[in-house]
Every structure is written in structure tokens, then in C-alpha cells.
Amino acid sequence: MNKTEIIDHIAGSADISKAAAGRALEATVAAIKTAMRKGGSVTLVGFGTFYVGKRAARAGRNPRTGAAIKIKAAKVPKFRAGKALKDALN
């Protein structure tokens, strides 16, 4: 399912226009990004939790030359599925 299909589904389920559904989806994604950028997490009960994980610095290899390189530490987005979502899939 892609973004357009999600917007169509929201518009049909909520009985709103596709434009309004698109704005609602954009606002939701923006709110999640903002909360995660501040280092927080976003919990949608029954669906799951979006949170920021930390990846430590590590050594790697350049696949072309085989030379050792340093890979910097990074913050990465993560998602932990909630019980209701897990139950819906099984």
C-alpha cells in the first residue's frame, strides 16, 4: 500500500475529501517526525510505538577498495508493534 492508497482509504472510511485526508496524513507524519526529532516517542495504543534508537560508531570496509573506514554513530527511527497489531496479523 502506498501513500495515495492510504489517502483513498482514509477518505472513504472517514467520509471526507481526498484533499482533507491528504492534509490529515501529512499532519500526522509531521507530528511523529517532530516528536522523534526532539528525542521522544509516539505511542498509538493498539498500533505501536515509534521511537529513536541509537547506533554506535563502528568500523566498516569500503566494498570497492577494501579499506577500513569509520562509520559515525547515528540516531535511527524504530517501530515496536503493539499487541493489537500483532494479534491482527496472526
PDB file of N, CA and C in Angstrom:
ATOM      1  N   MET A   1       0.854  -1.168   0.000  1.00  0.00           N
ATOM      2  CA  MET A   1       0.000   0.000   0.000  1.00  0.00           C
ATOM      3  C   MET A   1       0.901   1.232   0.000  1.00  0.00           C
ATOM      4  N   ASN A   2       0.616   2.182  -0.880  1.00  0.00           N
ATOM      5  CA  ASN A   2       1.416   3.400  -0.926  1.00  0.00           C
ATOM      6  C   ASN A   2       0.629   4.582  -0.365  1.00  0.00           C
ATOM      7  N   LYS A   3       1.225   5.754  -0.385  1.00  0.00           N
ATOM      8  CA  LYS A   3       0.626   6.938   0.216  1.00  0.00           C
ATOM      9  C   LYS A   3      -0.722   7.278  -0.411  1.00  0.00           C
ATOM     10  N   THR A   4      -0.820   7.195  -1.728  1.00  0.00           N
ATOM     11  CA  THR A   4      -2.073   7.518  -2.417  1.00  0.00           C
ATOM     12  C   THR A   4      -3.178   6.557  -1.998  1.00  0.00           C
ATOM     13  N   GLU A   5      -2.847   5.289  -1.889  1.00  0.00           N
ATOM     14  CA  GLU A   5      -3.838   4.298  -1.474  1.00  0.00           C
ATOM     15  C   GLU A   5      -4.274   4.518  -0.030  1.00  0.00           C
ATOM     16  N   ILE A   6      -3.356   4.933   0.822  1.00  0.00           N
ATOM     17  CA  ILE A   6      -3.717   5.239   2.212  1.00  0.00           C
ATOM     18  C   ILE A   6      -4.659   6.430   2.254  1.00  0.00           C
ATOM     19  N   ILE A   7      -4.370   7.464   1.478  1.00  0.00           N
ATOM     20  CA  ILE A   7      -5.235   8.641   1.426  1.00  0.00           C
ATOM     21  C   ILE A   7      -6.623   8.257   0.935  1.00  0.00           C
ATOM     22  N   ASP A   8      -6.701   7.437  -0.099  1.00  0.00           N
ATOM     23  CA  ASP A   8      -8.001   6.980  -0.605  1.00  0.00           C
ATOM     24  C   ASP A   8      -8.766   6.216   0.476  1.00  0.00           C
ATOM     25  N   HIS A   9      -8.076   5.370   1.206  1.00  0.00           N
ATOM     26  CA  HIS A   9      -8.720   4.589   2.268  1.00  0.00           C
ATOM     27  C   HIS A   9      -9.224   5.504   3.385  1.00  0.00           C
ATOM     28  N   ILE A  10      -8.418   6.465   3.793  1.00  0.00           N
ATOM     29  CA  ILE A  10      -8.822   7.406   4.848  1.00  0.00           C
ATOM     30  C   ILE A  10     -10.042   8.196   4.393  1.00  0.00           C
ATOM     31  N   ALA A  11     -10.008   8.685   3.161  1.00  0.00           N
ATOM     32  CA  ALA A  11     -11.122   9.479   2.635  1.00  0.00           C
ATOM     33  C   ALA A  11     -12.411   8.667   2.622  1.00  0.00           C
ATOM     34  N   GLY A  12     -12.326   7.413   2.211  1.00  0.00           N
ATOM     35  CA  GLY A  12     -13.515   6.572   2.167  1.00  0.00           C
ATOM     36  C   GLY A  12     -14.023   6.202   3.546  1.00  0.00           C
ATOM     37  N   SER A  13     -13.123   5.871   4.458  1.00  0.00           N
ATOM     38  CA  SER A  13     -13.520   5.452   5.801  1.00  0.00           C
ATOM     39  C   SER A  13     -14.068   6.593   6.641  1.00  0.00           C
ATOM     40  N   ALA A  14     -13.462   7.765   6.508  1.00  0.00           N
ATOM     41  CA  ALA A  14     -13.865   8.905   7.337  1.00  0.00           C
ATOM     42  C   ALA A  14     -14.892   9.793   6.648  1.00  0.00           C
ATOM     43  N   ASP A  15     -15.254   9.458   5.411  1.00  0.00           N
ATOM     44  CA  ASP A  15     -16.228  10.235   4.631  1.00  0.00           C
ATOM     45  C   ASP A  15     -15.800  11.708   4.521  1.00  0.00           C
ATOM     46  N   ILE A  16     -14.531  11.907   4.128  1.00  0.00           N
ATOM     47  CA  ILE A  16     -14.003  13.248   3.884  1.00  0.00           C
ATOM     48  C   ILE A  16     -13.372  13.269   2.498  1.00  0.00           C
ATOM     49  N   SER A  17     -13.031  14.461   2.029  1.00  0.00           N
ATOM     50  CA  SER A  17     -12.424  14.572   0.698  1.00  0.00           C
ATOM     51  C   SER A  17     -10.999  14.014   0.715  1.00  0.00           C
ATOM     52  N   LYS A  18     -10.518  13.681  -0.480  1.00  0.00           N
ATOM     53  CA  LYS A  18      -9.152  13.171  -0.581  1.00  0.00           C
ATOM     54  C   LYS A  18      -8.145  14.244  -0.179  1.00  0.00           C
ATOM     55  N   ALA A  19      -8.458  15.508  -0.483  1.00  0.00           N
ATOM     56  CA  ALA A  19      -7.560  16.603  -0.109  1.00  0.00           C
ATOM     57  C   ALA A  19      -7.457  16.710   1.407  1.00  0.00           C
ATOM     58  N   ALA A  20      -8.589  16.615   2.090  1.00  0.00           N
ATOM     59  CA  ALA A  20      -8.587  16.693   3.551  1.00  0.00           C
ATOM     60  C   ALA A  20      -7.865  15.481   4.147  1.00  0.00           C
ATOM     61  N   ALA A  21      -8.072  14.309   3.562  1.00  0.00           N
ATOM     62  CA  ALA A  21      -7.393  13.108   4.039  1.00  0.00           C
ATOM     63  C   ALA A  21      -5.883  13.235   3.848  1.00  0.00           C
ATOM     64  N   GLY A  22      -5.460  13.802   2.727  1.00  0.00           N
ATOM     65  CA  GLY A  22      -4.036  14.020   2.476  1.00  0.00           C
ATOM     66  C   GLY A  22      -3.422  14.969   3.483  1.00  0.00           C
ATOM     67  N   ARG A  23      -4.154  16.056   3.794  1.00  0.00           N
ATOM     68  CA  ARG A  23      -3.658  17.004   4.796  1.00  0.00           C
ATOM     69  C   ARG A  23      -3.577  16.356   6.169  1.00  0.00           C
ATOM     70  N   ALA A  24      -4.544  15.519   6.506  1.00  0.00           N
ATOM     71  CA  ALA A  24      -4.544  14.832   7.794  1.00  0.00           C
ATOM     72  C   ALA A  24      -3.361  13.873   7.894  1.00  0.00           C
ATOM     73  N   LEU A  25      -3.105  13.137   6.830  1.00  0.00           N
ATOM     74  CA  LEU A  25      -1.970  12.215   6.829  1.00  0.00           C
ATOM     75  C   LEU A  25      -0.652  12.970   6.942  1.00  0.00           C
ATOM     76  N   GLU A  26      -0.506  14.057   6.191  1.00  0.00           N
ATOM     77  CA  GLU A  26       0.718  14.871   6.260  1.00  0.00           C
ATOM     78  C   GLU A  26       0.918  15.438   7.660  1.00  0.00           C
ATOM     79  N   ALA A  27      -0.165  15.899   8.289  1.00  0.00           N
ATOM     80  CA  ALA A  27      -0.067  16.454   9.640  1.00  0.00           C
ATOM     81  C   ALA A  27       0.342  15.378  10.640  1.00  0.00           C
ATOM     82  N   THR A  28      -0.181  14.165  10.473  1.00  0.00           N
ATOM     83  CA  THR A  28       0.168  13.060  11.362  1.00  0.00           C
ATOM     84  C   THR A  28       1.648  12.701  11.237  1.00  0.00           C
ATOM     85  N   VAL A  29       2.118  12.578  10.008  1.00  0.00           N
ATOM     86  CA  VAL A  29       3.522  12.238   9.775  1.00  0.00           C
ATOM     87  C   VAL A  29       4.432  13.346  10.314  1.00  0.00           C
ATOM     88  N   ALA A  30       4.046  14.605  10.105  1.00  0.00           N
ATOM     89  CA  ALA A  30       4.843  15.727  10.596  1.00  0.00           C
ATOM     90  C   ALA A  30       4.911  15.722  12.128  1.00  0.00           C
ATOM     91  N   ALA A  31       3.798  15.398  12.785  1.00  0.00           N
ATOM     92  CA  ALA A  31       3.785  15.360  14.250  1.00  0.00           C
ATOM     93  C   ALA A  31       4.699  14.251  14.768  1.00  0.00           C
ATOM     94  N   ILE A  32       4.683  13.098  14.107  1.00  0.00           N
ATOM     95  CA  ILE A  32       5.558  11.992  14.511  1.00  0.00           C
ATOM     96  C   ILE A  32       7.019  12.382  14.322  1.00  0.00           C
ATOM     97  N   LYS A  33       7.345  13.012  13.184  1.00  0.00           N
ATOM     98  CA  LYS A  33       8.724  13.447  12.922  1.00  0.00           C
ATOM     99  C   LYS A  33       9.189  14.446  13.974  1.00  0.00           C
ATOM    100  N   THR A  34       8.335  15.412  14.289  1.00  0.00           N
ATOM    101  CA  THR A  34       8.695  16.449  15.256  1.00  0.00           C
ATOM    102  C   THR A  34       8.976  15.845  16.626  1.00  0.00           C
ATOM    103  N   ALA A  35       8.107  14.946  17.060  1.00  0.00           N
ATOM    104  CA  ALA A  35       8.298  14.322  18.371  1.00  0.00           C
ATOM    105  C   ALA A  35       9.584  13.501  18.404  1.00  0.00           C
ATOM    106  N   MET A  36       9.853  12.784  17.326  1.00  0.00           N
ATOM    107  CA  MET A  36      11.064  11.953  17.294  1.00  0.00           C
ATOM    108  C   MET A  36      12.321  12.801  17.174  1.00  0.00           C
ATOM    109  N   ARG A  37      12.241  13.923  16.461  1.00  0.00           N
ATOM    110  CA  ARG A  37      13.400  14.810  16.326  1.00  0.00           C
ATOM    111  C   ARG A  37      13.811  15.350  17.693  1.00  0.00           C
ATOM    112  N   LYS A  38      12.823  15.537  18.583  1.00  0.00           N
ATOM    113  CA  LYS A  38      13.107  16.014  19.928  1.00  0.00           C
ATOM    114  C   LYS A  38      13.572  14.889  20.841  1.00  0.00           C
ATOM    115  N   GLY A  39      13.674  13.679  20.306  1.00  0.00           N
ATOM    116  CA  GLY A  39      14.156  12.547  21.086  1.00  0.00           C
ATOM    117  C   GLY A  39      13.062  11.779  21.792  1.00  0.00           C
ATOM    118  N   GLY A  40      11.803  12.161  21.584  1.00  0.00           N
ATOM    119  CA  GLY A  40      10.691  11.484  22.245  1.00  0.00           C
ATOM    120  C   GLY A  40      10.190  10.298  21.456  1.00  0.00           C
ATOM    121  N   SER A  41       9.125   9.714  21.951  1.00  0.00           N
ATOM    122  CA  SER A  41       8.497   8.603  21.252  1.00  0.00           C
ATOM    123  C   SER A  41       7.031   8.931  21.048  1.00  0.00           C
ATOM    124  N   VAL A  42       6.409   8.234  20.103  1.00  0.00           N
ATOM    125  CA  VAL A  42       4.990   8.412  19.804  1.00  0.00           C
ATOM    126  C   VAL A  42       4.327   7.048  19.945  1.00  0.00           C
ATOM    127  N   THR A  43       3.365   6.959  20.865  1.00  0.00           N
ATOM    128  CA  THR A  43       2.669   5.700  21.093  1.00  0.00           C
ATOM    129  C   THR A  43       1.235   5.811  20.621  1.00  0.00           C
ATOM    130  N   LEU A  44       0.846   4.925  19.726  1.00  0.00           N
ATOM    131  CA  LEU A  44      -0.531   4.815  19.274  1.00  0.00           C
ATOM    132  C   LEU A  44      -1.050   3.502  19.857  1.00  0.00           C
ATOM    133  N   VAL A  45      -1.858   3.609  20.906  1.00  0.00           N
ATOM    134  CA  VAL A  45      -2.314   2.435  21.640  1.00  0.00           C
ATOM    135  C   VAL A  45      -3.002   1.468  20.683  1.00  0.00           C
ATOM    136  N   GLY A  46      -2.585   0.223  20.742  1.00  0.00           N
ATOM    137  CA  GLY A  46      -3.140  -0.807  19.881  1.00  0.00           C
ATOM    138  C   GLY A  46      -2.408  -0.946  18.555  1.00  0.00           C
ATOM    139  N   PHE A  47      -1.642   0.064  18.179  1.00  0.00           N
ATOM    140  CA  PHE A  47      -0.902   0.010  16.910  1.00  0.00           C
ATOM    141  C   PHE A  47       0.580  -0.213  17.158  1.00  0.00           C
ATOM    142  N   GLY A  48       1.197   0.697  17.906  1.00  0.00           N
ATOM    143  CA  GLY A  48       2.612   0.543  18.192  1.00  0.00           C
ATOM    144  C   GLY A  48       3.257   1.837  18.635  1.00  0.00           C
ATOM    145  N   THR A  49       4.571   1.784  18.759  1.00  0.00           N
ATOM    146  CA  THR A  49       5.345   2.925  19.239  1.00  0.00           C
ATOM    147  C   THR A  49       6.485   3.222  18.272  1.00  0.00           C
ATOM    148  N   PHE A  50       6.577   4.487  17.875  1.00  0.00           N
ATOM    149  CA  PHE A  50       7.699   4.982  17.097  1.00  0.00           C
ATOM    150  C   PHE A  50       8.669   5.597  18.091  1.00  0.00           C
ATOM    151  N   TYR A  51       9.958   5.252  17.989  1.00  0.00           N
ATOM    152  CA  TYR A  51      10.942   5.811  18.910  1.00  0.00           C
ATOM    153  C   TYR A  51      12.289   5.944  18.223  1.00  0.00           C
ATOM    154  N   VAL A  52      13.205   6.655  18.887  1.00  0.00           N
ATOM    155  CA  VAL A  52      14.532   6.888  18.341  1.00  0.00           C
ATOM    156  C   VAL A  52      15.507   5.918  18.989  1.00  0.00           C
ATOM    157  N   GLY A  53      16.212   5.166  18.169  1.00  0.00           N
ATOM    158  CA  GLY A  53      17.244   4.263  18.652  1.00  0.00           C
ATOM    159  C   GLY A  53      18.613   4.853  18.369  1.00  0.00           C
ATOM    160  N   LYS A  54      19.619   4.336  19.018  1.00  0.00           N
ATOM    161  CA  LYS A  54      20.981   4.829  18.812  1.00  0.00           C
ATOM    162  C   LYS A  54      21.841   3.706  18.254  1.00  0.00           C
ATOM    163  N   ARG A  55      22.596   4.024  17.227  1.00  0.00           N
ATOM    164  CA  ARG A  55      23.525   3.069  16.635  1.00  0.00           C
ATOM    165  C   ARG A  55      24.932   3.560  16.966  1.00  0.00           C
ATOM    166  N   ALA A  56      25.736   2.725  17.576  1.00  0.00           N
ATOM    167  CA  ALA A  56      27.081   3.101  17.998  1.00  0.00           C
ATOM    168  C   ALA A  56      28.007   3.247  16.790  1.00  0.00           C
ATOM    169  N   ALA A  57      29.065   4.009  16.982  1.00  0.00           N
ATOM    170  CA  ALA A  57      30.096   4.132  15.946  1.00  0.00           C
ATOM    171  C   ALA A  57      30.764   2.770  15.781  1.00  0.00           C
ATOM    172  N   ARG A  58      31.185   2.495  14.560  1.00  0.00           N
ATOM    173  CA  ARG A  58      31.793   1.193  14.311  1.00  0.00           C
ATOM    174  C   ARG A  58      32.739   1.273  13.130  1.00  0.00           C
ATOM    175  N   ALA A  59      33.528   0.238  12.976  1.00  0.00           N
ATOM    176  CA  ALA A  59      34.447   0.156  11.838  1.00  0.00           C
ATOM    177  C   ALA A  59      33.759  -0.599  10.716  1.00  0.00           C
ATOM    178  N   GLY A  60      34.014  -0.175   9.487  1.00  0.00           N
ATOM    179  CA  GLY A  60      33.446  -0.839   8.324  1.00  0.00           C
ATOM    180  C   GLY A  60      34.490  -0.964   7.236  1.00  0.00           C
ATOM    181  N   ARG A  61      34.089  -1.454   6.088  1.00  0.00           N
ATOM    182  CA  ARG A  61      35.005  -1.615   4.953  1.00  0.00           C
ATOM    183  C   ARG A  61      34.382  -0.994   3.717  1.00  0.00           C
ATOM    184  N   ASN A  62      35.211  -0.310   2.962  1.00  0.00           N
ATOM    185  CA  ASN A  62      34.789   0.193   1.660  1.00  0.00           C
ATOM    186  C   ASN A  62      34.742  -1.014   0.731  1.00  0.00           C
ATOM    187  N   PRO A  63      33.562  -1.342   0.168  1.00  0.00           N
ATOM    188  CA  PRO A  63      33.477  -2.556  -0.647  1.00  0.00           C
ATOM    189  C   PRO A  63      34.296  -2.480  -1.937  1.00  0.00           C
ATOM    190  N   ARG A  64      34.551  -1.290  -2.419  1.00  0.00           N
ATOM    191  CA  ARG A  64      35.310  -1.156  -3.665  1.00  0.00           C
ATOM    192  C   ARG A  64      36.803  -1.357  -3.454  1.00  0.00           C
ATOM    193  N   THR A  65      37.341  -0.714  -2.390  1.00  0.00           N
ATOM    194  CA  THR A  65      38.794  -0.759  -2.181  1.00  0.00           C
ATOM    195  C   THR A  65      39.208  -1.727  -1.077  1.00  0.00           C
ATOM    196  N   GLY A  66      38.267  -2.092  -0.202  1.00  0.00           N
ATOM    197  CA  GLY A  66      38.608  -2.955   0.921  1.00  0.00           C
ATOM    198  C   GLY A  66      39.236  -2.203   2.071  1.00  0.00           C
ATOM    199  N   ALA A  67      39.379  -0.878   1.946  1.00  0.00           N
ATOM    200  CA  ALA A  67      39.992  -0.070   3.000  1.00  0.00           C
ATOM    201  C   ALA A  67      39.054   0.034   4.203  1.00  0.00           C
ATOM    202  N   ALA A  68      39.629   0.072   5.395  1.00  0.00           N
ATOM    203  CA  ALA A  68      38.845   0.242   6.614  1.00  0.00           C
ATOM    204  C   ALA A  68      38.379   1.683   6.712  1.00  0.00           C
ATOM    205  N   ILE A  69      37.126   1.874   7.123  1.00  0.00           N
ATOM    206  CA  ILE A  69      36.579   3.220   7.314  1.00  0.00           C
ATOM    207  C   ILE A  69      35.878   3.273   8.664  1.00  0.00           C
ATOM    208  N   LYS A  70      35.705   4.492   9.170  1.00  0.00           N
ATOM    209  CA  LYS A  70      34.991   4.696  10.419  1.00  0.00           C
ATOM    210  C   LYS A  70      33.567   5.131  10.074  1.00  0.00           C
ATOM    211  N   ILE A  71      32.589   4.459  10.671  1.00  0.00           N
ATOM    212  CA  ILE A  71      31.194   4.827  10.481  1.00  0.00           C
ATOM    213  C   ILE A  71      30.743   5.522  11.759  1.00  0.00           C
ATOM    214  N   LYS A  72      30.239   6.746  11.613  1.00  0.00           N
ATOM    215  CA  LYS A  72      29.854   7.548  12.765  1.00  0.00           C
ATOM    216  C   LYS A  72      28.626   6.972  13.462  1.00  0.00           C
ATOM    217  N   ALA A  73      28.489   7.324  14.730  1.00  0.00           N
ATOM    218  CA  ALA A  73      27.289   6.962  15.486  1.00  0.00           C
ATOM    219  C   ALA A  73      26.106   7.697  14.869  1.00  0.00           C
ATOM    220  N   ALA A  74      24.918   7.116  14.978  1.00  0.00           N
ATOM    221  CA  ALA A  74      23.738   7.725  14.369  1.00  0.00           C
ATOM    222  C   ALA A  74      22.499   7.434  15.194  1.00  0.00           C
ATOM    223  N   LYS A  75      21.513   8.314  15.065  1.00  0.00           N
ATOM    224  CA  LYS A  75      20.187   8.077  15.626  1.00  0.00           C
ATOM    225  C   LYS A  75      19.346   7.489  14.497  1.00  0.00           C
ATOM    226  N   VAL A  76      18.589   6.437  14.805  1.00  0.00           N
ATOM    227  CA  VAL A  76      17.791   5.779  13.775  1.00  0.00           C
ATOM    228  C   VAL A  76      16.347   5.630  14.248  1.00  0.00           C
ATOM    229  N   PRO A  77      15.384   5.802  13.329  1.00  0.00           N
ATOM    230  CA  PRO A  77      13.984   5.608  13.713  1.00  0.00           C
ATOM    231  C   PRO A  77      13.681   4.125  13.857  1.00  0.00           C
ATOM    232  N   LYS A  78      12.880   3.800  14.860  1.00  0.00           N
ATOM    233  CA  LYS A  78      12.491   2.413  15.092  1.00  0.00           C
ATOM    234  C   LYS A  78      10.996   2.354  15.388  1.00  0.00           C
ATOM    235  N   PHE A  79      10.426   1.173  15.198  1.00  0.00           N
ATOM    236  CA  PHE A  79       8.999   0.955  15.459  1.00  0.00           C
ATOM    237  C   PHE A  79       8.836  -0.363  16.195  1.00  0.00           C
ATOM    238  N   ARG A  80       8.051  -0.328  17.255  1.00  0.00           N
ATOM    239  CA  ARG A  80       7.733  -1.541  18.017  1.00  0.00           C
ATOM    240  C   ARG A  80       6.218  -1.745  17.903  1.00  0.00           C
ATOM    241  N   ALA A  81       5.802  -2.845  17.305  1.00  0.00           N
ATOM    242  CA  ALA A  81       4.384  -3.121  17.096  1.00  0.00           C
ATOM    243  C   ALA A  81       3.691  -3.385  18.419  1.00  0.00           C
ATOM    244  N   GLY A  82       2.430  -2.909  18.516  1.00  0.00           N
ATOM    245  CA  GLY A  82       1.624  -3.138  19.709  1.00  0.00           C
ATOM    246  C   GLY A  82       0.938  -4.491  19.660  1.00  0.00           C
ATOM    247  N   LYS A  83       0.364  -4.886  20.777  1.00  0.00           N
ATOM    248  CA  LYS A  83      -0.277  -6.198  20.888  1.00  0.00           C
ATOM    249  C   LYS A  83      -1.431  -6.346  19.905  1.00  0.00           C
ATOM    250  N   ALA A  84      -2.270  -5.338  19.782  1.00  0.00           N
ATOM    251  CA  ALA A  84      -3.428  -5.445  18.877  1.00  0.00           C
ATOM    252  C   ALA A  84      -2.989  -5.634  17.429  1.00  0.00           C
ATOM    253  N   LEU A  85      -1.927  -4.949  17.014  1.00  0.00           N
ATOM    254  CA  LEU A  85      -1.420  -5.103  15.651  1.00  0.00           C
ATOM    255  C   LEU A  85      -0.853  -6.507  15.456  1.00  0.00           C
ATOM    256  N   LYS A  86      -0.114  -6.990  16.430  1.00  0.00           N
ATOM    257  CA  LYS A  86       0.433  -8.343  16.341  1.00  0.00           C
ATOM    258  C   LYS A  86      -0.689  -9.386  16.273  1.00  0.00           C
ATOM    259  N   ASP A  87      -1.729  -9.195  17.107  1.00  0.00           N
ATOM    260  CA  ASP A  87      -2.843 -10.132  17.107  1.00  0.00           C
ATOM    261  C   ASP A  87      -3.614 -10.103  15.798  1.00  0.00           C
ATOM    262  N   ALA A  88      -3.710  -8.930  15.172  1.00  0.00           N
ATOM    263  CA  ALA A  88      -4.422  -8.814  13.901  1.00  0.00           C
ATOM    264  C   ALA A  88      -3.716  -9.558  12.775  1.00  0.00           C
ATOM    265  N   LEU A  89      -2.398  -9.707  12.903  1.00  0.00           N
ATOM    266  CA  LEU A  89      -1.629 -10.372  11.865  1.00  0.00           C
ATOM    267  C   LEU A  89      -1.575 -11.883  12.038  1.00  0.00           C
ATOM    268  N   ASN A  90      -1.865 -12.369  13.224  1.00  0.00           N
ATOM    269  CA  ASN A  90      -1.738 -13.813  13.482  1.00  0.00           C
ATOM    270  C   ASN A  90      -3.063 -14.491  13.633  1.00  0.00           C
TER     271      ASN A  90
END
